[in-house]
Amino acid sequence: MNGYMTVQEAAKKWCVTSRQVQLWCKENKIPGAQMYSRIWIIPETANRPEARRKAK
């Protein structure tokens, strides 16, 4: 689909695991992410959510 990326593509782009991206989608932390036939699709313009933990 044009304008969207997969969980794997987002994980590579944001330097995190694909499981972390799935959790963010499930927790509604990525605006516009949608479940489409058991696959999360994420807008290409979406930004990486902020980390929960703060750096020391």
PDB file of N, CA and C in Angstrom:
ATOM      1  N   MET A   1       0.834  -1.187   0.000  1.00  0.00           N
ATOM      2  CA  MET A   1       0.000   0.000   0.000  1.00  0.00           C
ATOM      3  C   MET A   1       0.874   1.244   0.000  1.00  0.00           C
ATOM      4  N   ASN A   2       0.533   2.159  -0.833  1.00  0.00           N
ATOM      5  CA  ASN A   2       1.295   3.405  -0.908  1.00  0.00           C
ATOM      6  C   ASN A   2       0.984   4.274   0.297  1.00  0.00           C
ATOM      7  N   GLY A   3       2.021   4.878   0.861  1.00  0.00           N
ATOM      8  CA  GLY A   3       1.841   5.755   1.999  1.00  0.00           C
ATOM      9  C   GLY A   3       1.914   5.048   3.339  1.00  0.00           C
ATOM     10  N   TYR A   4       2.104   3.738   3.322  1.00  0.00           N
ATOM     11  CA  TYR A   4       2.173   2.967   4.562  1.00  0.00           C
ATOM     12  C   TYR A   4       3.413   2.093   4.569  1.00  0.00           C
ATOM     13  N   MET A   5       3.844   1.724   5.771  1.00  0.00           N
ATOM     14  CA  MET A   5       4.967   0.800   5.911  1.00  0.00           C
ATOM     15  C   MET A   5       4.569  -0.320   6.861  1.00  0.00           C
ATOM     16  N   THR A   6       5.298  -1.410   6.782  1.00  0.00           N
ATOM     17  CA  THR A   6       5.031  -2.563   7.642  1.00  0.00           C
ATOM     18  C   THR A   6       5.749  -2.374   8.981  1.00  0.00           C
ATOM     19  N   VAL A   7       5.442  -3.256   9.908  1.00  0.00           N
ATOM     20  CA  VAL A   7       6.106  -3.242  11.216  1.00  0.00           C
ATOM     21  C   VAL A   7       7.612  -3.419  11.042  1.00  0.00           C
ATOM     22  N   GLN A   8       8.011  -4.329  10.164  1.00  0.00           N
ATOM     23  CA  GLN A   8       9.433  -4.587   9.957  1.00  0.00           C
ATOM     24  C   GLN A   8      10.137  -3.353   9.391  1.00  0.00           C
ATOM     25  N   GLU A   9       9.503  -2.672   8.456  1.00  0.00           N
ATOM     26  CA  GLU A   9      10.099  -1.463   7.877  1.00  0.00           C
ATOM     27  C   GLU A   9      10.220  -0.357   8.918  1.00  0.00           C
ATOM     28  N   ALA A  10       9.195  -0.201   9.755  1.00  0.00           N
ATOM     29  CA  ALA A  10       9.234   0.813  10.809  1.00  0.00           C
ATOM     30  C   ALA A  10      10.315   0.487  11.825  1.00  0.00           C
ATOM     31  N   ALA A  11      10.454  -0.782  12.170  1.00  0.00           N
ATOM     32  CA  ALA A  11      11.473  -1.197  13.136  1.00  0.00           C
ATOM     33  C   ALA A  11      12.871  -0.870  12.625  1.00  0.00           C
ATOM     34  N   LYS A  12      13.099  -1.130  11.364  1.00  0.00           N
ATOM     35  CA  LYS A  12      14.401  -0.830  10.776  1.00  0.00           C
ATOM     36  C   LYS A  12      14.642   0.682  10.732  1.00  0.00           C
ATOM     37  N   LYS A  13      13.629   1.436  10.368  1.00  0.00           N
ATOM     38  CA  LYS A  13      13.726   2.890  10.274  1.00  0.00           C
ATOM     39  C   LYS A  13      13.998   3.518  11.637  1.00  0.00           C
ATOM     40  N   TRP A  14      13.368   2.993  12.697  1.00  0.00           N
ATOM     41  CA  TRP A  14      13.461   3.571  14.038  1.00  0.00           C
ATOM     42  C   TRP A  14      14.496   2.880  14.921  1.00  0.00           C
ATOM     43  N   CYS A  15      15.208   1.884  14.392  1.00  0.00           N
ATOM     44  CA  CYS A  15      16.256   1.159  15.134  1.00  0.00           C
ATOM     45  C   CYS A  15      15.736   0.522  16.419  1.00  0.00           C
ATOM     46  N   VAL A  16      14.605  -0.162  16.312  1.00  0.00           N
ATOM     47  CA  VAL A  16      14.037  -0.927  17.421  1.00  0.00           C
ATOM     48  C   VAL A  16      13.618  -2.288  16.886  1.00  0.00           C
ATOM     49  N   THR A  17      13.156  -3.164  17.766  1.00  0.00           N
ATOM     50  CA  THR A  17      12.694  -4.476  17.320  1.00  0.00           C
ATOM     51  C   THR A  17      11.286  -4.371  16.738  1.00  0.00           C
ATOM     52  N   SER A  18      10.933  -5.334  15.913  1.00  0.00           N
ATOM     53  CA  SER A  18       9.586  -5.341  15.344  1.00  0.00           C
ATOM     54  C   SER A  18       8.550  -5.569  16.441  1.00  0.00           C
ATOM     55  N   ARG A  19       8.911  -6.316  17.490  1.00  0.00           N
ATOM     56  CA  ARG A  19       7.995  -6.542  18.612  1.00  0.00           C
ATOM     57  C   ARG A  19       7.681  -5.230  19.313  1.00  0.00           C
ATOM     58  N   GLN A  20       8.664  -4.353  19.460  1.00  0.00           N
ATOM     59  CA  GLN A  20       8.434  -3.057  20.096  1.00  0.00           C
ATOM     60  C   GLN A  20       7.452  -2.230  19.273  1.00  0.00           C
ATOM     61  N   VAL A  21       7.583  -2.259  17.962  1.00  0.00           N
ATOM     62  CA  VAL A  21       6.671  -1.520  17.083  1.00  0.00           C
ATOM     63  C   VAL A  21       5.263  -2.096  17.216  1.00  0.00           C
ATOM     64  N   GLN A  22       5.130  -3.418  17.272  1.00  0.00           N
ATOM     65  CA  GLN A  22       3.818  -4.045  17.456  1.00  0.00           C
ATOM     66  C   GLN A  22       3.174  -3.584  18.761  1.00  0.00           C
ATOM     67  N   LEU A  23       3.953  -3.522  19.831  1.00  0.00           N
ATOM     68  CA  LEU A  23       3.420  -3.073  21.117  1.00  0.00           C
ATOM     69  C   LEU A  23       2.964  -1.622  21.049  1.00  0.00           C
ATOM     70  N   TRP A  24       3.749  -0.774  20.398  1.00  0.00           N
ATOM     71  CA  TRP A  24       3.348   0.620  20.236  1.00  0.00           C
ATOM     72  C   TRP A  24       2.037   0.732  19.463  1.00  0.00           C
ATOM     73  N   CYS A  25       1.876  -0.087  18.428  1.00  0.00           N
ATOM     74  CA  CYS A  25       0.630  -0.071  17.653  1.00  0.00           C
ATOM     75  C   CYS A  25      -0.541  -0.499  18.538  1.00  0.00           C
ATOM     76  N   LYS A  26      -0.344  -1.574  19.281  1.00  0.00           N
ATOM     77  CA  LYS A  26      -1.400  -2.101  20.146  1.00  0.00           C
ATOM     78  C   LYS A  26      -1.798  -1.093  21.218  1.00  0.00           C
ATOM     79  N   GLU A  27      -0.825  -0.328  21.721  1.00  0.00           N
ATOM     80  CA  GLU A  27      -1.073   0.661  22.773  1.00  0.00           C
ATOM     81  C   GLU A  27      -1.508   2.021  22.203  1.00  0.00           C
ATOM     82  N   ASN A  28      -1.743   2.093  20.900  1.00  0.00           N
ATOM     83  CA  ASN A  28      -2.173   3.324  20.216  1.00  0.00           C
ATOM     84  C   ASN A  28      -1.176   4.461  20.387  1.00  0.00           C
ATOM     85  N   LYS A  29       0.099   4.156  20.383  1.00  0.00           N
ATOM     86  CA  LYS A  29       1.128   5.182  20.523  1.00  0.00           C
ATOM     87  C   LYS A  29       1.625   5.683  19.170  1.00  0.00           C
ATOM     88  N   ILE A  30       1.183   5.042  18.091  1.00  0.00           N
ATOM     89  CA  ILE A  30       1.553   5.482  16.748  1.00  0.00           C
ATOM     90  C   ILE A  30       0.273   5.950  16.064  1.00  0.00           C
ATOM     91  N   PRO A  31       0.097   7.270  15.927  1.00  0.00           N
ATOM     92  CA  PRO A  31      -1.118   7.781  15.299  1.00  0.00           C
ATOM     93  C   PRO A  31      -1.275   7.272  13.867  1.00  0.00           C
ATOM     94  N   GLY A  32      -2.453   6.812  13.546  1.00  0.00           N
ATOM     95  CA  GLY A  32      -2.747   6.356  12.188  1.00  0.00           C
ATOM     96  C   GLY A  32      -2.445   4.893  11.928  1.00  0.00           C
ATOM     97  N   ALA A  33      -1.824   4.192  12.880  1.00  0.00           N
ATOM     98  CA  ALA A  33      -1.534   2.764  12.692  1.00  0.00           C
ATOM     99  C   ALA A  33      -2.841   1.984  12.721  1.00  0.00           C
ATOM    100  N   GLN A  34      -2.982   1.054  11.784  1.00  0.00           N
ATOM    101  CA  GLN A  34      -4.212   0.272  11.670  1.00  0.00           C
ATOM    102  C   GLN A  34      -3.898  -1.193  11.476  1.00  0.00           C
ATOM    103  N   MET A  35      -4.770  -2.038  11.996  1.00  0.00           N
ATOM    104  CA  MET A  35      -4.652  -3.471  11.774  1.00  0.00           C
ATOM    105  C   MET A  35      -5.387  -3.782  10.470  1.00  0.00           C
ATOM    106  N   TYR A  36      -4.694  -4.437   9.562  1.00  0.00           N
ATOM    107  CA  TYR A  36      -5.264  -4.780   8.261  1.00  0.00           C
ATOM    108  C   TYR A  36      -4.989  -6.254   8.005  1.00  0.00           C
ATOM    109  N   SER A  37      -6.007  -7.079   8.186  1.00  0.00           N
ATOM    110  CA  SER A  37      -5.880  -8.513   7.942  1.00  0.00           C
ATOM    111  C   SER A  37      -4.718  -9.118   8.737  1.00  0.00           C
ATOM    112  N   ARG A  38      -4.727  -8.893  10.045  1.00  0.00           N
ATOM    113  CA  ARG A  38      -3.718  -9.408  10.984  1.00  0.00           C
ATOM    114  C   ARG A  38      -2.334  -8.796  10.811  1.00  0.00           C
ATOM    115  N   ILE A  39      -2.220  -7.717  10.050  1.00  0.00           N
ATOM    116  CA  ILE A  39      -0.940  -7.039   9.840  1.00  0.00           C
ATOM    117  C   ILE A  39      -1.119  -5.560  10.177  1.00  0.00           C
ATOM    118  N   TRP A  40      -0.197  -5.027  10.958  1.00  0.00           N
ATOM    119  CA  TRP A  40      -0.232  -3.600  11.254  1.00  0.00           C
ATOM    120  C   TRP A  40       0.333  -2.824  10.071  1.00  0.00           C
ATOM    121  N   ILE A  41      -0.359  -1.774   9.677  1.00  0.00           N
ATOM    122  CA  ILE A  41       0.163  -0.844   8.673  1.00  0.00           C
ATOM    123  C   ILE A  41       0.318   0.518   9.353  1.00  0.00           C
ATOM    124  N   ILE A  42       1.429   1.157   9.066  1.00  0.00           N
ATOM    125  CA  ILE A  42       1.808   2.392   9.741  1.00  0.00           C
ATOM    126  C   ILE A  42       2.054   3.464   8.683  1.00  0.00           C
ATOM    127  N   PRO A  43       1.494   4.664   8.866  1.00  0.00           N
ATOM    128  CA  PRO A  43       1.753   5.731   7.894  1.00  0.00           C
ATOM    129  C   PRO A  43       3.247   6.022   7.792  1.00  0.00           C
ATOM    130  N   GLU A  44       3.713   6.244   6.579  1.00  0.00           N
ATOM    131  CA  GLU A  44       5.140   6.529   6.369  1.00  0.00           C
ATOM    132  C   GLU A  44       5.573   7.815   7.059  1.00  0.00           C
ATOM    133  N   THR A  45       4.636   8.707   7.312  1.00  0.00           N
ATOM    134  CA  THR A  45       4.959   9.986   7.942  1.00  0.00           C
ATOM    135  C   THR A  45       4.948   9.906   9.470  1.00  0.00           C
ATOM    136  N   ALA A  46       4.619   8.745  10.029  1.00  0.00           N
ATOM    137  CA  ALA A  46       4.553   8.596  11.488  1.00  0.00           C
ATOM    138  C   ALA A  46       5.939   8.742  12.102  1.00  0.00           C
ATOM    139  N   ASN A  47       5.955   9.332  13.283  1.00  0.00           N
ATOM    140  CA  ASN A  47       7.199   9.502  14.022  1.00  0.00           C
ATOM    141  C   ASN A  47       7.311   8.439  15.099  1.00  0.00           C
ATOM    142  N   ARG A  48       8.545   8.156  15.491  1.00  0.00           N
ATOM    143  CA  ARG A  48       8.803   7.184  16.551  1.00  0.00           C
ATOM    144  C   ARG A  48       8.262   7.719  17.874  1.00  0.00           C
ATOM    145  N   PRO A  49       7.500   6.900  18.608  1.00  0.00           N
ATOM    146  CA  PRO A  49       7.009   7.348  19.919  1.00  0.00           C
ATOM    147  C   PRO A  49       8.163   7.594  20.889  1.00  0.00           C
ATOM    148  N   GLU A  50       7.918   8.456  21.849  1.00  0.00           N
ATOM    149  CA  GLU A  50       8.917   8.756  22.872  1.00  0.00           C
ATOM    150  C   GLU A  50       9.135   7.543  23.761  1.00  0.00           C
ATOM    151  N   ALA A  51      10.333   7.385  24.249  1.00  0.00           N
ATOM    152  CA  ALA A  51      10.659   6.289  25.163  1.00  0.00           C
ATOM    153  C   ALA A  51       9.978   6.534  26.509  1.00  0.00           C
ATOM    154  N   ARG A  52       9.559   5.436  27.150  1.00  0.00           N
ATOM    155  CA  ARG A  52       8.933   5.553  28.462  1.00  0.00           C
ATOM    156  C   ARG A  52       9.944   5.943  29.528  1.00  0.00           C
ATOM    157  N   ARG A  53      11.135   5.361  29.420  1.00  0.00           N
ATOM    158  CA  ARG A  53      12.160   5.635  30.421  1.00  0.00           C
ATOM    159  C   ARG A  53      12.924   6.893  30.051  1.00  0.00           C
ATOM    160  N   LYS A  54      13.303   7.612  31.045  1.00  0.00           N
ATOM    161  CA  LYS A  54      14.106   8.818  30.833  1.00  0.00           C
ATOM    162  C   LYS A  54      15.579   8.474  31.019  1.00  0.00           C
ATOM    163  N   ALA A  55      16.432   9.037  30.217  1.00  0.00           N
ATOM    164  CA  ALA A  55      17.877   8.811  30.332  1.00  0.00           C
ATOM    165  C   ALA A  55      18.396   9.533  31.572  1.00  0.00           C
ATOM    166  N   LYS A  56      19.386   8.935  32.183  1.00  0.00           N
ATOM    167  CA  LYS A  56      19.969   9.553  33.392  1.00  0.00           C
ATOM    168  C   LYS A  56      20.994  10.595  33.012  1.00  0.00           C
TER     169      LYS A  56
END
